Amino acid sequence: MNTEILGIIAMFVITLVIGLFLGKYIANVYGYKKTFLDSVFQPVENIIYKISGINPNRQMTWKQNMSAMLTINLVWFVIGFFILLNQSWLPLNPDGNLDMSPDLAFNTAISFLVNCNLQHYSGETGVSYLSQLYLMFLQFVTAATGMAAMAVLFKAFKDKTTTELGNFYDFFTKSMIRILVPISIVVAFILSANGTPMTFEGKDHITTLEGHKSDVSRGPVAAFVAIKHLGTNGGGFFGANSAHPLENPNYMTNMTEMVTQMIIPFAMVFALGFYLKKRKLSWTIFVVMTIGFLALAVPNIINESNGNPLITQMGADSHLGAMEGKEIRFGSAASGYWSIATTVISTGSVNAMHDSTMPLSGMNQLLAMMINCFYGGCGVGILNYFIFIILAVFISGLMVGRTPEFLGKKIEAKEMKIAMIVALFHPFLILVGTALTAYMPELGAKTLNNPGFHGFSEMLYEFTSSSANNGSGFEGLGDNTPWWNISTGIVLLLSRFIPIIGPVAIAGLLAQKKYIPESSGTLKTDTATFGFMTLAVILLIAALSFFPALTLGPIAEQLQYFSK
């Protein structure tokens, strides 16, 4: 078997094994069960609670939890906006990088706040070390925010009838101290040992083999990259992201970063089963997600490994695959695998340029973000999938004449309305944003480096990436303009918090209802049949909403150049 394929299989298997063990650990953390690291982390948490005045034992309703989340996120945004606007005179700026414009600072602060990291600037030249450190801080807290929201949902289904859904600040602190920080330290050590820089010195001045002078940017890269992937953030310290040789030096670091960005999305699925003592349900969810993931990843690996037929017709040797925009140290197959993993789980980091992939590979990357619930980001992946569970339960119940229930709680009109709003809001933001930009050529077409169908794909990709909190891009787009910065900034805000608040609101409403014991009339949600039904609902509501837009972009491009 091709060694590149063996490398891909190894990455997936390693991720699955770590995800299983990490899932049990996360369930114990949120369930307040004893773990082997309690003696290390408990004193740190106690200090934080004492300094901040947080009472971790205070129980909150779902509304109070969401209010706490929104309030603290507002504070983080204001601080980030100030730093980015004034970074030129603030400390830790050895390279003399300039202040950001207000619209770019607005976009960047929001983007990192909402776990998207859509970068309309080039990392090493666009921000100072102080800004990088604050953005790294946001990468920690935004991941912890999604995980804390997921923990609230866990709590809602743990008790039979309750309005007490834990404490957001407590879940948030535990996510940071017990999960994100320790794993990030381990990953950073691995990266640093393999050549990723970890320093506060400015640019290194070197002389190349040709005798030319060159300045090489560096900084606290290893720490930044570790949480960038663990927290499914994706923002690169360097403009080229994980295609940069200092951010991702070799195949070992490539495997490390690939596994790191997928372990928490995997673990959160298994944590649900361990926490609720419904492991069969978690495996049903995981299998559905994996089927969706493989349906997108396998074609991309094949497309990129086969190479570009137009280049082959010109007489070029393409046995290495479609290598435009890719790094030889990773290869076309591993790059194709990464391109789907990073768009499925909302990381958005890249080890190759998505703008250079084959048209149908680009379509699959778009579909991964448009569906936005196969694994997903830290916590929010399960929240997105939960919406489709609610829809599938309701539709299935109506079809077979059974009461629509999930985990002992009846699903009624109010929950369905919220679920439909959340499900349809995602395509609404993407399609309306793309349509408005395409309608105004001075804002859209003039920023494109590629006209025609591919140019439309670039615009569609930008709004899809924003709405999915992904952050990757078809980088033929000149996106650092007031229109792109402000429009995508608004999409980022709405697409982050509505898909969190909606599922938590449904969980909170269901938690208040009377628990209904399982009976012969209960629709079982941990079976292969229901898993298939959920997958069908996902495809009908999510994927088909975007088919007309995809035909105008990557499908038309494929037919134009490769159907002859």
Protein backbone atom coordinates (compact mmCIF):
# COMPACT_ATOMS: atom_id res chain seq x y z
CA MET A 1 0.00 0.00 0.00
CA ASN A 2 1.17 3.54 -0.76
CA THR A 3 3.10 4.91 2.25
CA GLU A 4 1.16 8.18 1.98
CA ILE A 5 -2.11 6.28 2.46
CA LEU A 6 -0.61 4.40 5.41
CA GLY A 7 0.28 7.76 6.95
CA ILE A 8 -3.33 8.95 6.58
CA ILE A 9 -4.71 5.74 8.14
CA ALA A 10 -2.22 6.07 11.01
CA MET A 11 -3.33 9.67 11.66
CA PHE A 12 -6.99 8.68 11.83
CA VAL A 13 -6.40 5.63 14.06
CA ILE A 14 -4.16 7.55 16.46
CA THR A 15 -6.77 10.30 16.69
CA LEU A 16 -9.52 7.78 17.42
CA VAL A 17 -7.55 6.04 20.18
CA ILE A 18 -6.57 9.31 21.88
CA GLY A 19 -10.13 10.63 21.42
CA LEU A 20 -11.61 7.66 23.26
CA PHE A 21 -9.39 8.08 26.32
CA LEU A 22 -9.70 11.87 26.25
CA GLY A 23 -13.49 11.59 25.97
CA LYS A 24 -13.70 9.59 29.17
CA TYR A 25 -11.42 12.09 30.92
CA ILE A 26 -13.54 15.05 29.73
CA ALA A 27 -16.73 13.33 30.94
CA ASN A 28 -15.13 12.86 34.36
CA VAL A 29 -14.02 16.51 34.47
CA TYR A 30 -17.49 17.88 33.66
CA GLY A 31 -19.14 15.24 35.86
CA TYR A 32 -17.02 16.27 38.86
CA LYS A 33 -15.59 12.79 39.15
CA LYS A 34 -12.12 12.12 40.48
CA THR A 35 -9.27 12.16 37.95
CA PHE A 36 -5.59 11.34 38.35
CA LEU A 37 -4.64 15.02 37.88
CA ASP A 38 -6.94 16.55 40.50
CA SER A 39 -4.08 17.20 42.92
CA VAL A 40 -2.31 19.27 40.25
CA PHE A 41 -5.21 21.26 38.83
CA GLN A 42 -7.53 21.77 41.80
CA PRO A 43 -5.22 24.23 43.62
CA VAL A 44 -4.83 26.27 40.42
CA GLU A 45 -8.60 26.44 39.95
CA ASN A 46 -9.08 27.47 43.60
CA ILE A 47 -6.66 30.38 43.15
CA ILE A 48 -8.54 31.53 40.02
CA TYR A 49 -11.89 31.31 41.79
CA LYS A 50 -10.57 33.24 44.78
CA ILE A 51 -9.06 36.04 42.68
CA SER A 52 -12.07 36.37 40.36
CA GLY A 53 -14.75 35.94 43.01
CA ILE A 54 -16.37 33.07 41.14
CA ASN A 55 -18.49 30.66 43.14
CA PRO A 56 -18.16 27.38 41.21
CA ASN A 57 -20.96 25.80 43.22
CA ARG A 58 -23.56 28.36 42.11
CA GLN A 59 -25.97 26.76 39.66
CA MET A 60 -27.19 28.75 36.65
CA THR A 61 -30.17 28.44 34.33
CA TRP A 62 -29.50 28.20 30.61
CA LYS A 63 -30.23 31.93 30.24
CA GLN A 64 -27.76 32.85 32.98
CA ASN A 65 -25.11 30.61 31.42
CA MET A 66 -25.54 32.24 28.02
CA SER A 67 -25.57 35.74 29.55
CA ALA A 68 -22.25 35.00 31.25
CA MET A 69 -20.82 33.74 27.96
CA LEU A 70 -21.86 36.85 25.99
CA THR A 71 -20.68 39.29 28.68
CA ILE A 72 -17.17 37.91 28.98
CA ASN A 73 -16.82 37.65 25.19
CA LEU A 74 -17.68 41.35 24.88
CA VAL A 75 -14.86 42.22 27.29
CA TRP A 76 -12.36 40.13 25.31
CA PHE A 77 -13.42 41.84 22.06
CA VAL A 78 -12.89 45.36 23.43
CA ILE A 79 -9.41 44.51 24.72
CA GLY A 80 -8.40 42.86 21.44
CA PHE A 81 -9.73 45.73 19.33
CA PHE A 82 -7.69 48.22 21.39
CA ILE A 83 -4.45 46.22 21.11
CA LEU A 84 -4.71 45.76 17.34
CA LEU A 85 -5.44 49.46 16.80
CA ASN A 86 -2.42 50.52 18.89
CA GLN A 87 0.13 47.75 18.47
CA SER A 88 2.77 50.02 16.88
CA TRP A 89 3.53 51.83 20.18
CA LEU A 90 2.69 49.01 22.57
CA PRO A 91 5.50 46.71 23.84
CA LEU A 92 6.75 43.48 22.20
CA ASN A 93 6.98 44.87 18.68
CA PRO A 94 10.64 44.26 17.71
CA ASP A 95 9.88 44.22 13.97
CA GLY A 96 8.05 47.59 14.05
CA ASN A 97 4.73 46.35 12.65
CA LEU A 98 2.13 49.07 12.09
CA ASP A 99 -1.32 49.54 13.63
CA MET A 100 -4.25 47.83 11.95
CA SER A 101 -6.92 49.89 10.23
CA PRO A 102 -10.21 50.06 12.17
CA ASP A 103 -12.05 47.74 9.79
CA LEU A 104 -9.24 45.17 9.79
CA ALA A 105 -8.92 45.34 13.60
CA PHE A 106 -12.71 44.88 13.84
CA ASN A 107 -12.57 41.79 11.64
CA THR A 108 -9.49 40.30 13.30
CA ALA A 109 -10.71 40.80 16.88
CA ILE A 110 -14.09 39.26 16.07
CA SER A 111 -12.57 36.46 14.03
CA PHE A 112 -10.32 35.24 16.82
CA LEU A 113 -13.07 35.83 19.39
CA VAL A 114 -15.44 33.45 17.62
CA ASN A 115 -12.99 30.59 16.99
CA CYS A 116 -12.78 31.36 13.27
CA ASN A 117 -9.38 33.06 12.82
CA LEU A 118 -10.26 34.38 9.38
CA GLN A 119 -7.02 36.26 8.70
CA HIS A 120 -7.23 39.23 6.35
CA TYR A 121 -3.62 40.08 7.26
CA SER A 122 -0.33 38.21 6.89
CA GLY A 123 0.63 36.81 10.28
CA GLU A 124 4.31 37.69 10.61
CA THR A 125 4.00 41.20 9.13
CA GLY A 126 0.48 42.15 10.23
CA VAL A 127 0.72 41.92 14.01
CA SER A 128 3.24 42.46 16.82
CA TYR A 129 4.29 39.81 19.33
CA LEU A 130 1.92 41.37 21.88
CA SER A 131 -0.95 41.05 19.40
CA GLN A 132 0.08 37.47 18.64
CA LEU A 133 0.07 36.66 22.36
CA TYR A 134 -3.38 38.17 22.82
CA LEU A 135 -4.66 36.32 19.77
CA MET A 136 -3.20 33.16 21.29
CA PHE A 137 -5.09 33.95 24.51
CA LEU A 138 -8.29 34.25 22.46
CA GLN A 139 -7.56 30.86 20.90
CA PHE A 140 -7.60 29.35 24.37
CA VAL A 141 -10.71 31.10 25.67
CA THR A 142 -12.81 30.70 22.54
CA ALA A 143 -12.18 26.94 22.53
CA ALA A 144 -13.04 26.81 26.24
CA THR A 145 -16.23 28.78 25.54
CA GLY A 146 -17.48 26.18 23.07
CA MET A 147 -16.58 23.34 25.42
CA ALA A 148 -18.31 25.03 28.36
CA ALA A 149 -21.48 25.48 26.28
CA MET A 150 -21.32 21.78 25.41
CA ALA A 151 -20.96 20.94 29.11
CA VAL A 152 -24.17 22.91 29.81
CA LEU A 153 -25.96 20.72 27.25
CA PHE A 154 -24.52 17.60 28.88
CA LYS A 155 -25.88 18.75 32.25
CA ALA A 156 -29.33 19.43 30.77
CA PHE A 157 -29.80 15.74 29.94
CA LYS A 158 -28.07 14.35 33.01
CA ASP A 159 -30.89 15.11 35.45
CA LYS A 160 -34.47 14.04 34.81
CA THR A 161 -36.09 17.44 35.47
CA THR A 162 -34.09 20.53 36.39
CA THR A 163 -33.42 24.20 35.70
CA GLU A 164 -29.94 24.05 37.24
CA LEU A 165 -27.51 23.58 34.37
CA GLY A 166 -24.13 24.01 36.02
CA ASN A 167 -21.92 27.08 36.05
CA PHE A 168 -20.49 28.48 32.82
CA TYR A 169 -17.46 29.99 34.56
CA ASP A 170 -16.68 26.69 36.27
CA PHE A 171 -17.01 24.66 33.06
CA PHE A 172 -14.94 27.29 31.26
CA THR A 173 -12.15 27.24 33.86
CA LYS A 174 -12.02 23.46 33.92
CA SER A 175 -11.83 23.37 30.12
CA MET A 176 -8.86 25.71 30.20
CA ILE A 177 -6.90 24.37 33.18
CA ARG A 178 -7.58 20.64 32.93
CA ILE A 179 -7.77 20.10 29.16
CA LEU A 180 -6.51 22.84 26.86
CA VAL A 181 -3.43 24.14 28.68
CA PRO A 182 -1.77 20.79 29.58
CA ILE A 183 -2.29 19.23 26.15
CA SER A 184 -1.07 22.43 24.44
CA ILE A 185 2.15 22.30 26.48
CA VAL A 186 2.83 18.74 25.33
CA VAL A 187 2.14 19.61 21.68
CA ALA A 188 4.28 22.76 21.85
CA PHE A 189 7.22 20.71 23.15
CA ILE A 190 6.87 18.27 20.23
CA LEU A 191 6.77 21.11 17.71
CA SER A 192 9.67 22.96 19.30
CA ALA A 193 11.78 19.78 19.33
CA ASN A 194 11.19 19.45 15.59
CA GLY A 195 12.28 22.97 14.65
CA THR A 196 9.30 25.24 15.24
CA PRO A 197 10.63 28.51 16.77
CA MET A 198 9.83 29.53 20.33
CA THR A 199 11.44 32.91 21.00
CA PHE A 200 10.69 36.59 21.59
CA GLU A 201 13.60 37.82 19.48
CA GLY A 202 12.89 39.69 16.26
CA LYS A 203 13.73 38.67 12.71
CA ASP A 204 16.81 36.56 12.12
CA HIS A 205 19.24 37.94 9.54
CA ILE A 206 20.72 35.21 7.38
CA THR A 207 22.78 34.81 4.22
CA THR A 208 21.43 32.32 1.69
CA LEU A 209 23.52 29.79 -0.26
CA GLU A 210 23.38 32.21 -3.21
CA GLY A 211 24.91 34.93 -1.03
CA HIS A 212 21.74 37.03 -0.68
CA LYS A 213 20.76 38.69 2.59
CA SER A 214 17.37 37.68 3.98
CA ASP A 215 15.30 38.42 7.09
CA VAL A 216 13.38 35.46 8.54
CA SER A 217 10.48 36.16 10.89
CA ARG A 218 10.20 34.14 14.08
CA GLY A 219 8.57 34.41 17.49
CA PRO A 220 6.61 32.31 20.04
CA VAL A 221 5.42 30.07 17.20
CA ALA A 222 5.31 26.65 18.89
CA ALA A 223 2.94 27.81 21.64
CA PHE A 224 0.72 29.59 19.12
CA VAL A 225 0.48 26.62 16.75
CA ALA A 226 -0.29 24.16 19.56
CA ILE A 227 -3.49 25.88 20.68
CA LYS A 228 -4.28 26.92 17.13
CA HIS A 229 -4.91 23.24 16.38
CA LEU A 230 -6.01 21.85 19.73
CA GLY A 231 -8.70 24.54 20.03
CA THR A 232 -9.75 24.10 16.36
CA ASN A 233 -8.89 27.77 15.82
CA GLY A 234 -6.62 27.58 12.77
CA GLY A 235 -5.05 31.04 12.63
CA GLY A 236 -1.45 30.89 11.46
CA PHE A 237 1.47 32.65 13.13
CA PHE A 238 2.80 33.03 9.58
CA GLY A 239 0.80 34.06 6.55
CA ALA A 240 1.28 30.68 4.87
CA ASN A 241 -0.17 28.95 7.94
CA SER A 242 0.88 25.30 8.34
CA ALA A 243 2.36 25.28 4.84
CA HIS A 244 5.16 27.47 6.28
CA PRO A 245 8.37 25.47 7.00
CA LEU A 246 8.79 27.02 10.45
CA GLU A 247 5.17 26.46 11.46
CA ASN A 248 5.10 22.88 10.19
CA PRO A 249 8.69 21.74 9.51
CA ASN A 250 8.30 18.03 8.65
CA TYR A 251 5.97 15.04 8.37
CA MET A 252 6.22 14.40 12.11
CA THR A 253 4.91 17.87 12.92
CA ASN A 254 2.31 17.48 10.17
CA MET A 255 0.97 14.31 11.84
CA THR A 256 1.13 15.98 15.26
CA GLU A 257 -0.87 18.99 14.09
CA MET A 258 -3.35 16.80 12.21
CA VAL A 259 -4.04 14.59 15.23
CA THR A 260 -4.10 17.56 17.61
CA GLN A 261 -6.80 19.43 15.72
CA MET A 262 -9.11 16.38 15.63
CA ILE A 263 -8.78 14.89 19.13
CA ILE A 264 -11.18 17.20 20.99
CA PRO A 265 -13.95 16.99 18.33
CA PHE A 266 -13.62 13.19 18.51
CA ALA A 267 -13.40 13.21 22.30
CA MET A 268 -16.49 15.38 22.80
CA VAL A 269 -18.62 12.80 20.95
CA PHE A 270 -17.40 10.03 23.24
CA ALA A 271 -17.62 12.29 26.30
CA LEU A 272 -21.36 12.59 25.66
CA GLY A 273 -21.72 8.82 25.89
CA PHE A 274 -19.58 8.49 29.00
CA TYR A 275 -21.28 11.44 30.74
CA LEU A 276 -24.85 10.28 30.08
CA LYS A 277 -23.98 6.59 30.28
CA LYS A 278 -25.22 6.15 26.72
CA ARG A 279 -22.15 4.97 24.87
CA LYS A 280 -24.23 3.35 22.11
CA LEU A 281 -25.68 6.79 21.30
CA SER A 282 -22.22 8.33 21.10
CA TRP A 283 -21.01 5.57 18.78
CA THR A 284 -24.08 6.07 16.56
CA ILE A 285 -23.28 9.77 16.31
CA PHE A 286 -19.59 9.09 15.66
CA VAL A 287 -20.32 6.59 12.88
CA VAL A 288 -22.67 9.02 11.11
CA MET A 289 -20.07 11.77 11.37
CA THR A 290 -17.34 9.45 10.10
CA ILE A 291 -19.41 8.34 7.11
CA GLY A 292 -19.90 12.00 6.20
CA PHE A 293 -16.22 12.76 6.74
CA LEU A 294 -14.99 9.84 4.61
CA ALA A 295 -17.49 10.66 1.85
CA LEU A 296 -15.69 14.00 1.50
CA ALA A 297 -12.11 13.03 2.38
CA VAL A 298 -11.67 9.95 0.17
CA PRO A 299 -12.58 11.75 -3.11
CA ASN A 300 -10.23 14.60 -2.20
CA ILE A 301 -7.34 12.23 -1.55
CA ILE A 302 -7.99 10.53 -4.89
CA ASN A 303 -8.43 13.82 -6.79
CA GLU A 304 -5.22 15.33 -5.48
CA SER A 305 -3.21 12.10 -5.79
CA ASN A 306 -4.22 11.59 -9.44
CA GLY A 307 -2.91 14.99 -10.47
CA ASN A 308 -4.19 17.60 -12.87
CA PRO A 309 -5.04 16.00 -16.26
CA LEU A 310 -4.50 19.30 -18.11
CA ILE A 311 -0.92 19.48 -16.85
CA THR A 312 -0.39 15.81 -17.72
CA GLN A 313 -1.58 16.51 -21.28
CA MET A 314 1.16 19.13 -21.56
CA GLY A 315 3.76 16.43 -21.02
CA ALA A 316 4.59 17.18 -17.41
CA ASP A 317 5.27 14.33 -14.97
CA SER A 318 2.45 14.31 -12.45
CA HIS A 319 3.06 11.00 -10.65
CA LEU A 320 3.32 12.93 -7.35
CA GLY A 321 -0.22 14.22 -7.83
CA ALA A 322 -1.61 17.74 -8.18
CA MET A 323 1.33 19.49 -6.50
CA GLU A 324 0.47 23.11 -7.30
CA GLY A 325 0.20 24.95 -3.98
CA LYS A 326 1.42 21.93 -1.99
CA GLU A 327 4.55 21.11 -0.02
CA ILE A 328 6.71 18.20 -1.18
CA ARG A 329 7.44 17.24 2.44
CA PHE A 330 3.75 16.38 2.95
CA GLY A 331 2.64 15.14 -0.47
CA SER A 332 -0.65 15.38 -2.31
CA ALA A 333 -2.52 12.63 -0.42
CA ALA A 334 -1.82 13.99 3.08
CA SER A 335 -2.67 17.49 1.83
CA GLY A 336 -5.98 16.25 0.45
CA TYR A 337 -6.77 14.58 3.78
CA TRP A 338 -5.89 17.75 5.71
CA SER A 339 -8.07 19.88 3.42
CA ILE A 340 -11.21 18.00 4.50
CA ALA A 341 -10.23 17.44 8.12
CA THR A 342 -9.62 21.15 8.60
CA THR A 343 -12.92 22.15 6.97
CA VAL A 344 -15.01 19.43 8.61
CA ILE A 345 -13.84 20.28 12.13
CA SER A 346 -13.81 24.07 11.62
CA THR A 347 -10.08 24.51 12.27
CA GLY A 348 -9.38 26.24 8.97
CA SER A 349 -5.61 25.79 9.09
CA VAL A 350 -3.98 24.74 5.82
CA ASN A 351 -0.85 22.82 4.87
CA ALA A 352 -1.54 23.51 1.19
CA MET A 353 -3.36 26.25 -0.69
CA HIS A 354 -7.03 25.36 -1.11
CA ASP A 355 -7.26 27.81 -4.01
CA SER A 356 -4.99 25.45 -5.98
CA THR A 357 -6.87 22.20 -5.39
CA MET A 358 -8.92 20.52 -8.10
CA PRO A 359 -12.43 21.99 -8.59
CA LEU A 360 -14.29 19.04 -7.07
CA SER A 361 -11.87 19.02 -4.14
CA GLY A 362 -12.77 22.66 -3.58
CA MET A 363 -16.44 21.69 -3.71
CA ASN A 364 -15.92 19.08 -1.00
CA GLN A 365 -14.12 21.63 1.17
CA LEU A 366 -17.11 23.92 0.75
CA LEU A 367 -19.56 21.12 1.52
CA ALA A 368 -17.66 20.22 4.69
CA MET A 369 -18.21 23.78 5.97
CA MET A 370 -21.74 24.08 4.61
CA ILE A 371 -22.86 20.92 6.43
CA ASN A 372 -20.84 22.01 9.47
CA CYS A 373 -21.66 19.14 11.83
CA PHE A 374 -19.32 16.25 10.98
CA TYR A 375 -17.12 16.33 14.09
CA GLY A 376 -17.11 20.15 14.13
CA GLY A 377 -15.14 22.42 16.44
CA CYS A 378 -14.49 22.29 20.19
CA GLY A 379 -17.94 21.62 21.62
CA VAL A 380 -19.87 23.39 18.89
CA GLY A 381 -19.63 20.37 16.57
CA ILE A 382 -21.92 18.41 18.88
CA LEU A 383 -24.14 21.47 19.32
CA ASN A 384 -24.61 21.69 15.54
CA TYR A 385 -25.26 17.96 15.27
CA PHE A 386 -27.74 18.18 18.15
CA ILE A 387 -29.93 20.47 16.01
CA PHE A 388 -30.18 17.78 13.34
CA ILE A 389 -30.95 15.14 15.98
CA ILE A 390 -33.91 17.25 17.11
CA LEU A 391 -35.14 17.61 13.53
CA ALA A 392 -34.64 13.91 12.79
CA VAL A 393 -36.47 12.87 15.97
CA PHE A 394 -39.43 15.10 15.15
CA ILE A 395 -39.68 14.03 11.50
CA SER A 396 -39.18 10.34 12.34
CA GLY A 397 -41.80 10.49 15.07
CA LEU A 398 -44.34 11.95 12.68
CA MET A 399 -43.51 9.36 10.01
CA VAL A 400 -44.00 6.32 12.24
CA GLY A 401 -46.66 7.71 14.55
CA ARG A 402 -44.53 7.78 17.68
CA THR A 403 -44.07 10.55 20.20
CA PRO A 404 -41.05 12.69 19.24
CA GLU A 405 -38.81 12.31 22.28
CA PHE A 406 -35.09 12.59 22.89
CA LEU A 407 -33.52 11.18 26.04
CA GLY A 408 -36.87 11.10 27.82
CA LYS A 409 -38.04 14.61 26.92
CA LYS A 410 -40.88 15.42 24.53
CA ILE A 411 -39.96 17.66 21.60
CA GLU A 412 -42.68 20.21 20.86
CA ALA A 413 -43.30 23.28 18.71
CA LYS A 414 -41.03 25.69 20.60
CA GLU A 415 -37.99 23.43 20.30
CA MET A 416 -38.70 22.78 16.63
CA LYS A 417 -38.94 26.50 15.85
CA ILE A 418 -35.57 27.17 17.45
CA ALA A 419 -34.01 24.18 15.66
CA MET A 420 -35.28 25.31 12.25
CA ILE A 421 -34.09 28.89 12.80
CA VAL A 422 -30.60 27.64 13.65
CA ALA A 423 -30.54 25.14 10.76
CA LEU A 424 -31.64 27.68 8.14
CA PHE A 425 -29.66 30.64 9.48
CA HIS A 426 -26.36 29.12 8.33
CA PRO A 427 -27.27 28.89 4.60
CA PHE A 428 -29.03 32.27 4.85
CA LEU A 429 -25.83 34.03 5.94
CA ILE A 430 -23.71 32.31 3.29
CA LEU A 431 -26.01 32.73 0.31
CA VAL A 432 -27.17 36.27 1.08
CA GLY A 433 -23.60 37.45 1.71
CA THR A 434 -22.37 35.88 -1.54
CA ALA A 435 -25.33 37.22 -3.56
CA LEU A 436 -24.86 40.79 -2.31
CA THR A 437 -21.14 40.70 -3.08
CA ALA A 438 -21.68 39.24 -6.55
CA TYR A 439 -24.37 41.87 -7.23
CA MET A 440 -21.93 44.72 -6.48
CA PRO A 441 -18.86 44.17 -8.72
CA GLU A 442 -16.98 47.14 -7.25
CA LEU A 443 -17.00 45.29 -3.89
CA GLY A 444 -16.69 41.71 -5.10
CA ALA A 445 -15.42 41.18 -8.66
CA LYS A 446 -12.69 43.82 -8.39
CA THR A 447 -11.13 41.99 -5.43
CA LEU A 448 -10.79 38.71 -7.36
CA ASN A 449 -7.56 37.49 -8.96
CA ASN A 450 -9.47 34.78 -10.81
CA PRO A 451 -12.50 35.70 -12.94
CA GLY A 452 -15.34 33.40 -13.95
CA PHE A 453 -16.51 30.34 -12.08
CA HIS A 454 -13.44 30.11 -9.86
CA GLY A 455 -13.85 33.74 -8.85
CA PHE A 456 -17.41 33.01 -7.77
CA SER A 457 -16.09 30.05 -5.74
CA GLU A 458 -13.66 32.40 -3.99
CA MET A 459 -16.49 34.68 -2.87
CA LEU A 460 -18.69 31.73 -1.87
CA TYR A 461 -15.81 30.18 0.06
CA GLU A 462 -15.14 33.37 2.04
CA PHE A 463 -18.69 33.63 3.36
CA THR A 464 -18.93 29.88 3.89
CA SER A 465 -15.71 29.91 5.90
CA SER A 466 -16.98 32.86 7.94
CA SER A 467 -20.38 31.33 8.67
CA ALA A 468 -18.84 27.96 9.59
CA ASN A 469 -16.31 29.67 11.90
CA ASN A 470 -13.62 27.98 9.85
CA GLY A 471 -11.17 30.65 8.69
CA SER A 472 -9.58 28.96 5.67
CA GLY A 473 -9.85 30.69 2.32
CA PHE A 474 -9.44 30.52 -1.42
CA GLU A 475 -6.58 32.97 -1.24
CA GLY A 476 -6.93 34.35 -4.73
CA LEU A 477 -9.29 36.81 -3.04
CA GLY A 478 -8.08 40.27 -2.01
CA ASP A 479 -10.04 40.26 1.22
CA ASN A 480 -8.46 43.14 3.18
CA THR A 481 -11.03 45.75 2.14
CA PRO A 482 -13.67 47.55 4.24
CA TRP A 483 -16.46 45.53 2.60
CA TRP A 484 -14.91 42.12 3.22
CA ASN A 485 -13.73 43.04 6.72
CA ILE A 486 -17.09 44.41 7.89
CA SER A 487 -19.44 42.00 6.07
CA THR A 488 -17.60 38.87 7.15
CA GLY A 489 -17.19 40.34 10.65
CA ILE A 490 -20.96 40.58 10.99
CA VAL A 491 -21.41 37.05 9.64
CA LEU A 492 -18.78 35.80 12.10
CA LEU A 493 -20.62 37.24 15.09
CA LEU A 494 -24.05 35.94 14.11
CA SER A 495 -22.84 32.51 13.03
CA ARG A 496 -20.91 31.94 16.26
CA PHE A 497 -23.38 32.81 18.96
CA ILE A 498 -26.77 31.88 17.45
CA PRO A 499 -25.69 28.22 16.86
CA ILE A 500 -24.49 28.09 20.48
CA ILE A 501 -27.45 29.84 22.11
CA GLY A 502 -30.04 27.92 20.04
CA PRO A 503 -29.04 24.35 21.04
CA VAL A 504 -28.43 25.36 24.67
CA ALA A 505 -31.88 27.01 24.74
CA ILE A 506 -33.47 23.81 23.41
CA ALA A 507 -31.58 21.76 25.98
CA GLY A 508 -32.65 24.16 28.74
CA LEU A 509 -36.29 23.96 27.69
CA LEU A 510 -36.19 20.16 27.50
CA ALA A 511 -34.46 19.94 30.90
CA GLN A 512 -37.44 21.66 32.54
CA LYS A 513 -39.91 19.13 31.19
CA LYS A 514 -41.14 16.05 32.95
CA TYR A 515 -39.00 13.00 32.29
CA ILE A 516 -40.80 10.30 30.31
CA PRO A 517 -39.49 6.76 30.90
CA GLU A 518 -38.65 4.77 27.80
CA SER A 519 -41.47 2.51 26.56
CA SER A 520 -42.36 0.42 23.54
CA GLY A 521 -43.62 3.59 21.86
CA THR A 522 -40.36 5.49 22.31
CA LEU A 523 -38.32 6.15 19.17
CA LYS A 524 -34.83 4.80 19.83
CA THR A 525 -32.09 7.26 18.85
CA ASP A 526 -29.08 4.97 19.28
CA THR A 527 -29.78 2.64 16.36
CA ALA A 528 -28.34 2.40 12.86
CA THR A 529 -31.77 3.23 11.43
CA PHE A 530 -31.98 6.51 13.32
CA GLY A 531 -28.36 7.28 12.44
CA PHE A 532 -29.25 6.90 8.75
CA MET A 533 -32.30 9.12 9.27
CA THR A 534 -30.15 11.83 10.85
CA LEU A 535 -27.70 11.64 7.97
CA ALA A 536 -30.57 11.98 5.50
CA VAL A 537 -31.91 15.06 7.31
CA ILE A 538 -28.41 16.60 7.30
CA LEU A 539 -28.07 16.05 3.55
CA LEU A 540 -31.58 17.31 2.75
CA ILE A 541 -31.47 20.46 4.87
CA ALA A 542 -27.80 21.38 4.82
CA ALA A 543 -26.24 20.06 1.63
CA LEU A 544 -29.11 20.59 -0.84
CA SER A 545 -29.57 24.21 0.28
CA PHE A 546 -26.27 25.01 -1.42
CA PHE A 547 -26.54 22.95 -4.61
CA PRO A 548 -27.47 25.89 -6.90
CA ALA A 549 -24.53 27.94 -5.59
CA LEU A 550 -22.12 25.03 -6.02
CA THR A 551 -23.23 24.56 -9.64
CA LEU A 552 -22.23 28.17 -10.35
CA GLY A 553 -18.80 27.66 -8.79
CA PRO A 554 -16.76 24.45 -8.55
CA ILE A 555 -19.14 22.22 -10.55
CA ALA A 556 -19.20 24.66 -13.47
CA GLU A 557 -15.41 24.97 -13.29
CA GLN A 558 -15.04 21.20 -13.40
CA LEU A 559 -17.33 20.95 -16.42
CA GLN A 560 -15.56 23.82 -18.17
CA TYR A 561 -12.01 22.48 -17.94
CA PHE A 562 -12.13 18.75 -17.21
CA SER A 563 -15.19 17.32 -18.98
CA LYS A 564 -13.65 17.15 -22.43
